[in-house]
């Protein structure tokens, strides 16, 4: 595929020249993400960070509880053996 073929294809199939397509996808204000979406994305990121931190705390608590249970089991086992 060469540039001429691509330009002709754009005109034939899409009714636009390559320059029209290029300019319509440029970095103008109309094509940027709306402010609402940016705000929602930021909120989602903040909730993700908070959720990850809560999950880390819950894992830590679970490990501590597991250690306590294991120690208790060990104490019970040693008492029954002696």
C-alpha atoms as a PDB file:
ATOM      1  CA  UNK A   1       0.000   0.000   0.000  1.00  0.00           C
ATOM      2  CA  UNK A   2       1.328   3.396  -0.848  1.00  0.00           C
ATOM      3  CA  UNK A   3       0.190   6.889   0.089  1.00  0.00           C
ATOM      4  CA  UNK A   4      -1.606   7.526  -3.187  1.00  0.00           C
ATOM      5  CA  UNK A   5      -3.663   4.360  -2.876  1.00  0.00           C
ATOM      6  CA  UNK A   6      -4.571   5.230   0.718  1.00  0.00           C
ATOM      7  CA  UNK A   7      -5.629   8.761  -0.231  1.00  0.00           C
ATOM      8  CA  UNK A   8      -7.759   7.471  -3.101  1.00  0.00           C
ATOM      9  CA  UNK A   9      -9.326   4.868  -0.835  1.00  0.00           C
ATOM     10  CA  UNK A  10     -10.245   7.548   1.710  1.00  0.00           C
ATOM     11  CA  UNK A  11     -11.938   9.622  -0.978  1.00  0.00           C
ATOM     12  CA  UNK A  12     -13.713   6.631  -2.576  1.00  0.00           C
ATOM     13  CA  UNK A  13     -14.906   4.902   0.583  1.00  0.00           C
ATOM     14  CA  UNK A  14     -15.173   7.679   3.113  1.00  0.00           C
ATOM     15  CA  UNK A  15     -15.677  10.806   1.030  1.00  0.00           C
ATOM     16  CA  UNK A  16     -12.784  12.542   2.736  1.00  0.00           C
ATOM     17  CA  UNK A  17      -9.226  13.309   1.800  1.00  0.00           C
ATOM     18  CA  UNK A  18      -6.396  12.243   4.053  1.00  0.00           C
ATOM     19  CA  UNK A  19      -5.919  15.874   5.126  1.00  0.00           C
ATOM     20  CA  UNK A  20      -9.599  16.116   6.138  1.00  0.00           C
ATOM     21  CA  UNK A  21      -9.317  12.964   8.225  1.00  0.00           C
ATOM     22  CA  UNK A  22      -6.043  14.108   9.762  1.00  0.00           C
ATOM     23  CA  UNK A  23      -7.464  17.510  10.701  1.00  0.00           C
ATOM     24  CA  UNK A  24     -10.636  15.972  12.159  1.00  0.00           C
ATOM     25  CA  UNK A  25      -8.505  13.837  14.506  1.00  0.00           C
ATOM     26  CA  UNK A  26      -6.215  16.671  15.551  1.00  0.00           C
ATOM     27  CA  UNK A  27      -5.583  17.953  19.042  1.00  0.00           C
ATOM     28  CA  UNK A  28      -8.406  20.466  19.092  1.00  0.00           C
ATOM     29  CA  UNK A  29     -10.727  21.185  21.999  1.00  0.00           C
ATOM     30  CA  UNK A  30     -13.693  19.447  20.364  1.00  0.00           C
ATOM     31  CA  UNK A  31     -11.962  16.044  20.348  1.00  0.00           C
ATOM     32  CA  UNK A  32     -10.601  16.185  23.897  1.00  0.00           C
ATOM     33  CA  UNK A  33     -12.308  14.246  26.679  1.00  0.00           C
ATOM     34  CA  UNK A  34     -15.084  16.147  28.421  1.00  0.00           C
ATOM     35  CA  UNK A  35     -14.295  17.491  31.858  1.00  0.00           C
ATOM     36  CA  UNK A  36     -16.947  15.263  33.412  1.00  0.00           C
ATOM     37  CA  UNK A  37     -15.201  12.120  32.186  1.00  0.00           C
ATOM     38  CA  UNK A  38     -11.863  13.357  33.472  1.00  0.00           C
ATOM     39  CA  UNK A  39     -13.407  14.026  36.887  1.00  0.00           C
ATOM     40  CA  UNK A  40     -15.067  10.608  36.956  1.00  0.00           C
ATOM     41  CA  UNK A  41     -11.792   8.946  36.044  1.00  0.00           C
ATOM     42  CA  UNK A  42     -10.035  10.783  38.862  1.00  0.00           C
ATOM     43  CA  UNK A  43     -12.715   9.684  41.343  1.00  0.00           C
ATOM     44  CA  UNK A  44     -12.385   6.079  40.188  1.00  0.00           C
ATOM     45  CA  UNK A  45      -8.620   6.240  40.631  1.00  0.00           C
ATOM     46  CA  UNK A  46      -9.027   7.625  44.157  1.00  0.00           C
ATOM     47  CA  UNK A  47     -11.515   4.877  45.057  1.00  0.00           C
ATOM     48  CA  UNK A  48      -9.119   2.284  43.666  1.00  0.00           C
ATOM     49  CA  UNK A  49      -6.295   3.573  45.857  1.00  0.00           C
ATOM     50  CA  UNK A  50      -8.592   3.570  48.907  1.00  0.00           C
ATOM     51  CA  UNK A  51      -9.828   0.053  48.131  1.00  0.00           C
ATOM     52  CA  UNK A  52      -6.278  -1.226  47.715  1.00  0.00           C
ATOM     53  CA  UNK A  53      -5.301   0.275  51.055  1.00  0.00           C
ATOM     54  CA  UNK A  54      -8.336  -1.303  52.766  1.00  0.00           C
ATOM     55  CA  UNK A  55      -7.498  -4.652  51.205  1.00  0.00           C
ATOM     56  CA  UNK A  56      -3.929  -4.398  52.448  1.00  0.00           C
ATOM     57  CA  UNK A  57      -5.175  -3.663  55.972  1.00  0.00           C
ATOM     58  CA  UNK A  58      -7.605  -6.584  55.858  1.00  0.00           C
ATOM     59  CA  UNK A  59      -4.855  -8.930  54.702  1.00  0.00           C
ATOM     60  CA  UNK A  60      -2.629  -7.741  57.526  1.00  0.00           C
ATOM     61  CA  UNK A  61      -5.437  -8.297  60.036  1.00  0.00           C
ATOM     62  CA  UNK A  62      -6.112 -11.754  58.657  1.00  0.00           C
ATOM     63  CA  UNK A  63      -2.442 -12.709  58.950  1.00  0.00           C
ATOM     64  CA  UNK A  64      -2.327 -11.479  62.547  1.00  0.00           C
ATOM     65  CA  UNK A  65      -5.497 -13.364  63.398  1.00  0.00           C
ATOM     66  CA  UNK A  66      -4.140 -16.500  61.753  1.00  0.00           C
ATOM     67  CA  UNK A  67      -0.976 -16.288  63.852  1.00  0.00           C
ATOM     68  CA  UNK A  68      -3.049 -15.912  67.042  1.00  0.00           C
ATOM     69  CA  UNK A  69      -5.177 -18.919  66.129  1.00  0.00           C
ATOM     70  CA  UNK A  70      -2.097 -21.016  65.423  1.00  0.00           C
ATOM     71  CA  UNK A  71      -0.518 -20.037  68.741  1.00  0.00           C
ATOM     72  CA  UNK A  72      -3.744 -20.898  70.555  1.00  0.00           C
ATOM     73  CA  UNK A  73      -3.886 -24.284  68.830  1.00  0.00           C
ATOM     74  CA  UNK A  74      -0.298 -24.954  69.770  1.00  0.00           C
ATOM     75  CA  UNK A  75      -0.994 -24.100  73.405  1.00  0.00           C
ATOM     76  CA  UNK A  76      -4.038 -26.372  73.468  1.00  0.00           C
ATOM     77  CA  UNK A  77      -2.071 -29.212  71.887  1.00  0.00           C
ATOM     78  CA  UNK A  78       0.779 -28.877  74.353  1.00  0.00           C
ATOM     79  CA  UNK A  79      -1.643 -28.900  77.283  1.00  0.00           C
ATOM     80  CA  UNK A  80      -3.388 -32.047  76.097  1.00  0.00           C
ATOM     81  CA  UNK A  81      -0.119 -33.874  75.470  1.00  0.00           C
ATOM     82  CA  UNK A  82       1.310 -33.163  78.906  1.00  0.00           C
END
